[in-house]
Protein backbone atom coordinates (compact mmCIF):
# COMPACT_ATOMS: atom_id res chain seq x y z
CA MET A 1 0.16 -0.17 -0.19
CA ASN A 2 1.13 3.21 -0.49
CA ILE A 3 0.92 5.09 2.22
CA VAL A 4 0.15 9.49 2.18
CA LYS A 5 1.39 11.04 4.96
CA PRO A 6 -0.44 14.30 5.53
CA LYS A 7 1.54 17.65 5.67
CA LYS A 8 1.88 18.78 9.23
CA LEU A 9 0.04 21.16 10.85
CA GLN A 10 1.62 24.75 11.74
CA LYS A 11 0.27 27.70 13.44
CA GLY A 12 -2.34 29.98 11.05
CA ASP A 13 -3.83 26.81 10.02
CA CYS A 14 -7.38 25.93 10.21
CA ILE A 15 -8.53 23.09 12.16
CA GLY A 16 -11.76 21.76 11.26
CA ILE A 17 -14.02 20.28 14.00
CA ILE A 18 -16.76 17.38 13.25
CA ALA A 19 -18.73 14.94 14.77
CA PRO A 20 -18.89 11.80 12.94
CA CYS A 21 -20.03 9.52 15.97
CA GLY A 22 -22.05 9.77 19.12
CA VAL A 23 -24.45 13.11 19.71
CA PHE A 24 -22.40 16.32 20.58
CA LYS A 25 -24.26 18.50 23.08
CA ALA A 26 -21.41 19.85 25.02
CA ALA A 27 -21.49 23.48 23.63
CA ASP A 28 -19.24 24.66 26.45
CA ARG A 29 -16.82 22.44 25.86
CA LEU A 30 -16.90 23.29 22.27
CA GLU A 31 -16.38 27.08 23.29
CA LYS A 32 -13.63 26.41 25.39
CA GLY A 33 -11.80 24.22 23.01
CA ILE A 34 -11.88 26.44 19.72
CA GLU A 35 -10.45 29.58 22.53
CA PHE A 36 -7.84 27.07 23.16
CA LEU A 37 -6.81 26.12 19.63
CA GLN A 38 -7.43 30.05 18.80
CA ASN A 39 -4.96 30.73 21.60
CA ALA A 40 -2.82 28.00 20.22
CA GLY A 41 -2.42 29.95 16.71
CA PHE A 42 -4.90 27.91 14.81
CA ARG A 43 -8.20 29.12 12.83
CA VAL A 44 -11.30 26.86 13.64
CA LYS A 45 -14.00 25.76 11.11
CA VAL A 46 -16.70 24.37 12.68
CA SER A 47 -19.39 21.69 11.24
CA GLU A 48 -22.45 23.25 10.61
CA LYS A 49 -24.40 19.75 11.58
CA LEU A 50 -22.05 19.52 14.78
CA PHE A 51 -25.33 19.69 17.11
CA ALA A 52 -27.24 17.44 14.88
CA ARG A 53 -28.74 14.52 16.61
CA GLU A 54 -30.37 11.21 15.01
CA ARG A 55 -31.10 8.81 18.18
CA TYR A 56 -27.59 8.78 19.91
CA MET A 57 -25.81 9.53 17.06
CA ALA A 58 -24.77 13.20 15.80
CA GLY A 59 -27.00 13.35 12.93
CA THR A 60 -28.09 11.02 10.39
CA ASP A 61 -25.75 8.66 8.44
CA ALA A 62 -25.85 10.77 5.13
CA GLU A 63 -25.15 13.77 7.23
CA ARG A 64 -21.98 12.44 9.11
CA ALA A 65 -20.69 10.96 5.90
CA GLU A 66 -21.21 14.03 4.02
CA GLU A 67 -19.76 16.13 6.93
CA ILE A 68 -16.42 14.12 6.75
CA GLU A 69 -16.14 14.40 2.90
CA LYS A 70 -16.87 18.16 2.69
CA PHE A 71 -14.43 19.11 5.44
CA PHE A 72 -11.57 17.08 3.90
CA ALA A 73 -12.46 18.48 0.17
CA ASP A 74 -12.53 21.88 2.00
CA ASP A 75 -9.21 23.59 0.91
CA GLU A 76 -9.28 25.94 3.56
CA VAL A 77 -9.38 23.18 6.44
CA ASN A 78 -5.54 21.81 6.81
CA GLY A 79 -6.77 19.35 9.65
CA ILE A 80 -9.66 17.54 11.51
CA ILE A 81 -10.32 17.07 15.06
CA CYS A 82 -13.13 14.97 16.21
CA ALA A 83 -15.83 16.25 18.97
CA ARG A 84 -16.10 13.33 20.18
CA GLY A 85 -16.30 9.53 20.07
CA GLY A 86 -19.43 7.71 21.25
CA TYR A 87 -21.06 5.23 18.47
CA GLY A 88 -21.80 5.63 14.78
CA ALA A 89 -18.54 5.69 12.82
CA ILE A 90 -18.85 1.93 11.93
CA ARG A 91 -22.22 2.87 10.32
CA LEU A 92 -20.24 5.12 8.02
CA VAL A 93 -17.55 2.84 6.39
CA ASP A 94 -19.68 1.59 3.57
CA LYS A 95 -20.96 4.84 3.06
CA ILE A 96 -17.93 7.47 2.65
CA ASP A 97 -16.16 8.11 -0.72
CA TYR A 98 -12.65 7.09 0.11
CA GLU A 99 -11.80 8.81 -3.33
CA ILE A 100 -12.38 12.20 -1.63
CA ILE A 101 -10.05 11.40 1.57
CA ARG A 102 -7.48 10.21 -0.98
CA ALA A 103 -7.10 13.31 -3.08
CA ASN A 104 -7.05 15.38 0.05
CA PRO A 105 -4.91 14.02 2.43
CA LYS A 106 -4.85 16.12 5.94
CA VAL A 107 -4.42 15.70 9.63
CA PHE A 108 -7.34 13.84 10.98
CA CYS A 109 -7.59 13.23 14.90
CA GLY A 110 -9.46 11.07 16.95
CA PHE A 111 -9.71 8.35 19.17
CA SER A 112 -12.12 5.83 20.69
CA ASP A 113 -14.86 5.07 18.15
CA VAL A 114 -13.05 7.40 15.51
CA THR A 115 -10.67 4.20 15.58
CA ALA A 116 -13.05 2.86 12.64
CA LEU A 117 -12.46 5.83 10.41
CA SER A 118 -8.62 5.99 10.94
CA ALA A 119 -8.42 2.35 10.08
CA MET A 120 -10.80 2.37 7.03
CA PHE A 121 -8.71 6.04 5.80
CA LEU A 122 -5.67 3.91 6.23
CA LYS A 123 -7.03 0.57 4.37
CA ARG A 124 -9.19 2.35 1.79
CA ALA A 125 -7.42 5.77 0.94
CA GLY A 126 -3.78 5.22 2.25
CA LEU A 127 -4.23 7.71 4.39
CA ALA A 128 -1.96 7.75 8.09
CA THR A 129 -4.34 9.36 10.46
CA TYR A 130 -3.61 9.92 14.48
CA SER A 131 -5.06 8.56 17.43
CA ALA A 132 -5.24 12.13 19.52
CA PRO A 133 -7.35 14.01 21.85
CA MET A 134 -10.58 15.35 20.88
CA ILE A 135 -12.64 18.31 21.71
CA ASN A 136 -15.25 16.84 24.24
CA GLY A 137 -13.00 15.13 26.77
CA ASP A 138 -9.46 17.37 26.20
CA PHE A 139 -9.30 20.69 24.25
CA GLY A 140 -12.40 21.67 25.42
CA ASN A 141 -12.02 20.05 29.28
CA ASP A 142 -8.82 21.92 30.49
CA ILE A 143 -6.15 19.68 28.38
CA SER A 144 -3.41 18.90 30.09
CA ASP A 145 0.30 19.74 29.19
CA PHE A 146 1.20 16.46 28.85
CA THR A 147 -1.72 15.70 26.51
CA TRP A 148 -0.97 18.90 24.57
CA GLU A 149 2.93 18.33 24.37
CA ASN A 150 2.62 14.78 23.03
CA PHE A 151 0.00 16.40 20.48
CA LYS A 152 2.25 18.96 19.06
CA GLN A 153 5.11 16.82 18.78
CA ALA A 154 2.99 14.51 16.65
CA VAL A 155 0.97 16.73 14.60
CA MET A 156 3.22 19.64 14.23
CA SER A 157 6.58 18.03 13.74
CA ASP A 158 8.57 15.11 12.22
CA VAL A 159 10.88 14.22 14.72
CA PRO A 160 10.60 10.42 15.53
CA LEU A 161 8.40 9.50 18.66
CA VAL A 162 9.98 7.35 21.28
CA PHE A 163 7.66 6.09 23.94
CA ASP A 164 9.06 4.37 26.57
CA GLY A 165 7.04 1.25 28.33
CA SER A 166 8.34 -2.19 29.54
CA GLY A 167 9.45 -5.25 27.36
CA SER A 168 12.82 -6.91 26.36
CA ARG A 169 12.32 -7.83 22.52
CA CYS A 170 12.14 -6.16 19.01
CA ALA A 171 9.43 -6.01 16.16
CA GLU A 172 8.81 -3.85 13.18
CA GLY A 173 5.89 -2.67 11.35
CA ILE A 174 3.60 0.30 10.57
CA SER A 175 1.38 1.65 13.50
CA PHE A 176 -2.07 0.14 13.54
CA GLY A 177 -4.93 0.53 16.31
CA GLY A 178 -6.94 2.25 18.69
CA ASN A 179 -9.82 1.26 20.84
CA LEU A 180 -9.73 -2.46 20.90
CA ALA A 181 -13.63 -2.88 20.98
CA THR A 182 -13.78 -0.59 17.81
CA LEU A 183 -11.32 -2.46 15.82
CA VAL A 184 -13.17 -5.85 16.49
CA SER A 185 -16.14 -4.09 15.39
CA LEU A 186 -14.90 -3.83 11.89
CA CYS A 187 -14.76 -7.52 11.39
CA GLY A 188 -16.42 -8.38 8.64
CA VAL A 189 -15.09 -5.87 6.39
CA ASP A 190 -11.28 -6.07 5.13
CA PHE A 191 -10.15 -3.68 8.03
CA LEU A 192 -6.62 -4.91 8.35
CA PRO A 193 -3.15 -3.67 6.75
CA ASP A 194 -1.77 -5.63 4.08
CA GLU A 195 1.74 -4.97 5.47
CA ASP A 196 3.44 -6.19 8.95
CA PHE A 197 2.21 -4.20 11.23
CA ILE A 198 2.49 -3.17 14.97
CA LEU A 199 -0.92 -3.09 17.17
CA PHE A 200 -1.36 -0.69 19.87
CA ILE A 201 -4.73 -1.24 21.82
CA GLU A 202 -6.76 0.42 24.75
CA ASP A 203 -10.35 0.18 26.27
CA LEU A 204 -12.47 1.56 28.83
CA ASN A 205 -15.19 -0.58 31.19
CA GLU A 206 -14.23 -3.96 29.49
CA PRO A 207 -14.61 -6.67 31.93
CA ALA A 208 -11.47 -8.94 31.39
CA TYR A 209 -13.35 -11.89 29.83
CA LYS A 210 -14.59 -9.46 26.99
CA ILE A 211 -11.38 -8.29 26.41
CA ASP A 212 -10.24 -11.91 26.12
CA ARG A 213 -13.10 -12.74 23.45
CA MET A 214 -11.96 -9.39 21.24
CA VAL A 215 -8.39 -10.64 21.59
CA THR A 216 -9.41 -14.37 20.70
CA GLN A 217 -11.41 -12.87 17.84
CA LEU A 218 -8.64 -10.88 16.32
CA ARG A 219 -6.30 -13.98 16.48
CA ASN A 220 -8.68 -16.00 14.63
CA ILE A 221 -8.58 -13.93 11.48
CA GLU A 222 -5.65 -15.73 9.45
CA LYS A 223 -4.33 -12.17 8.27
CA PHE A 224 -4.18 -10.78 11.46
CA THR A 225 -1.90 -13.51 12.90
CA ARG A 226 -0.02 -13.53 9.74
CA ASN A 227 1.04 -10.09 9.61
CA LEU A 228 0.92 -8.86 13.51
CA LYS A 229 4.66 -8.52 14.44
CA GLY A 230 3.86 -6.87 17.94
CA VAL A 231 1.82 -5.31 20.55
CA VAL A 232 1.76 -1.91 22.53
CA LEU A 233 -0.64 -2.07 25.24
CA GLY A 234 -2.32 1.24 26.54
CA GLU A 235 -4.60 1.55 29.65
CA PHE A 236 -7.68 -0.78 29.97
CA SER A 237 -8.92 1.49 32.31
CA ASP A 238 -11.74 -0.03 34.74
CA CYS A 239 -11.34 -3.55 33.85
CA ASP A 240 -12.56 -5.64 36.81
CA HIS A 241 -9.54 -8.26 36.75
CA PRO A 242 -6.39 -6.57 35.24
CA GLU A 243 -4.70 -9.35 36.81
CA TYR A 244 -5.73 -11.47 34.11
CA LEU A 245 -5.02 -9.16 31.06
CA ASP A 246 -1.02 -10.05 30.93
CA GLU A 247 -2.11 -13.83 30.78
CA ILE A 248 -4.84 -12.58 27.75
CA PHE A 249 -2.45 -10.88 26.15
CA ALA A 250 0.28 -13.11 25.86
CA GLU A 251 -1.85 -15.09 23.64
CA PHE A 252 -0.81 -12.59 20.74
CA GLU A 253 2.71 -14.54 20.95
CA VAL A 254 4.65 -11.38 19.61
CA PRO A 255 6.88 -8.73 21.24
CA THR A 256 4.81 -6.71 23.67
CA VAL A 257 5.44 -3.09 25.04
CA LYS A 258 3.30 -2.25 27.89
CA GLY A 259 2.60 0.55 30.18
CA LEU A 260 2.12 3.48 27.56
CA LYS A 261 -0.42 6.40 28.02
CA ILE A 262 -2.74 5.37 25.16
CA THR A 263 -5.96 5.74 27.12
CA HIS A 264 -9.53 7.44 27.76
CA SER A 265 -7.66 9.19 30.42
CA HIS A 266 -6.98 13.01 30.65
CA ASP A 267 -3.17 12.31 29.99
CA LYS A 268 -2.81 10.57 26.78
CA ILE A 269 -0.25 10.39 24.16
CA THR A 270 -0.75 10.76 20.32
CA VAL A 271 0.07 7.93 18.12
CA PRO A 272 -0.15 8.22 14.26
CA ILE A 273 -1.47 5.23 12.73
CA GLY A 274 0.18 3.89 9.42
CA VAL A 275 3.77 5.00 9.81
CA PRO A 276 6.78 2.77 10.47
CA ALA A 277 7.12 1.78 13.91
CA ARG A 278 9.39 -0.29 16.05
CA ILE A 279 9.34 -2.00 19.25
CA GLU A 280 12.77 -2.04 20.56
CA ASN A 281 13.56 -3.45 24.56
CA GLY A 282 10.61 -1.74 26.08
CA LYS A 283 10.17 1.06 23.67
CA PHE A 284 7.47 2.33 21.05
CA ILE A 285 9.20 4.40 18.38
CA LEU A 286 7.80 5.75 15.13
CA ARG A 287 9.32 7.41 12.40
CA GLN A 288 7.42 10.39 11.24
CA ASN A 289 9.66 11.29 8.21
CA SER A 290 9.99 8.01 6.69
């Protein structure tokens, strides 16, 4: 696959804000997030459909897919930050015109349910994206210095990213992953990279038996086990039996790094998706300029 890395953001660029997943109601957080980004030197453009609602989603499938396409096609917009996760992205994977994404590569940021879009943008449009902070819980919610500095390093510079965890083996591949439950929800479509990859995963409020089930479901995919070369574990917050996780993840049988701040929590790292990556003795290394 010919993977396209979007142009890095710089001060003066325009950041678009869209809501492709769950319903977004936090007008106060939107205002605070806009203020933060503007104070950081960016211009901001907000989707006219940001507060749309269809059941528990931010508008109909057609509306949300159209806003994604519109903001990618908009020459004024240099990067896109999602308002929130929730649920709804998986409903869009067969409705998006990926040629629009491919023809207009730009920084795309989000995590949690947005993982579905990042995976499919990589698979069908060849676009490298970012597991990165969003408006609702981050930019509009007193974003921490840790999260902000990691975000800037990833989306505004080409320096290699080196994250320290624990582990003693090595592996190479492109970076791929995000929220475990969302990735598993894509089973049934071709969402896995054709290249060797290093999987990074996290989740929230999932009991150990469900994590076991999801890991097993991935391992049962032939292409997954063939191309998986390493695993990077983020946080599995509020798991009922965290003591079981080491045994569950050991079943991947590949080099593993543990203890990174890939998470739903306030302090989080920003991880490029689709760039050359390496596990090296407890470090997760991503080469952004290769």
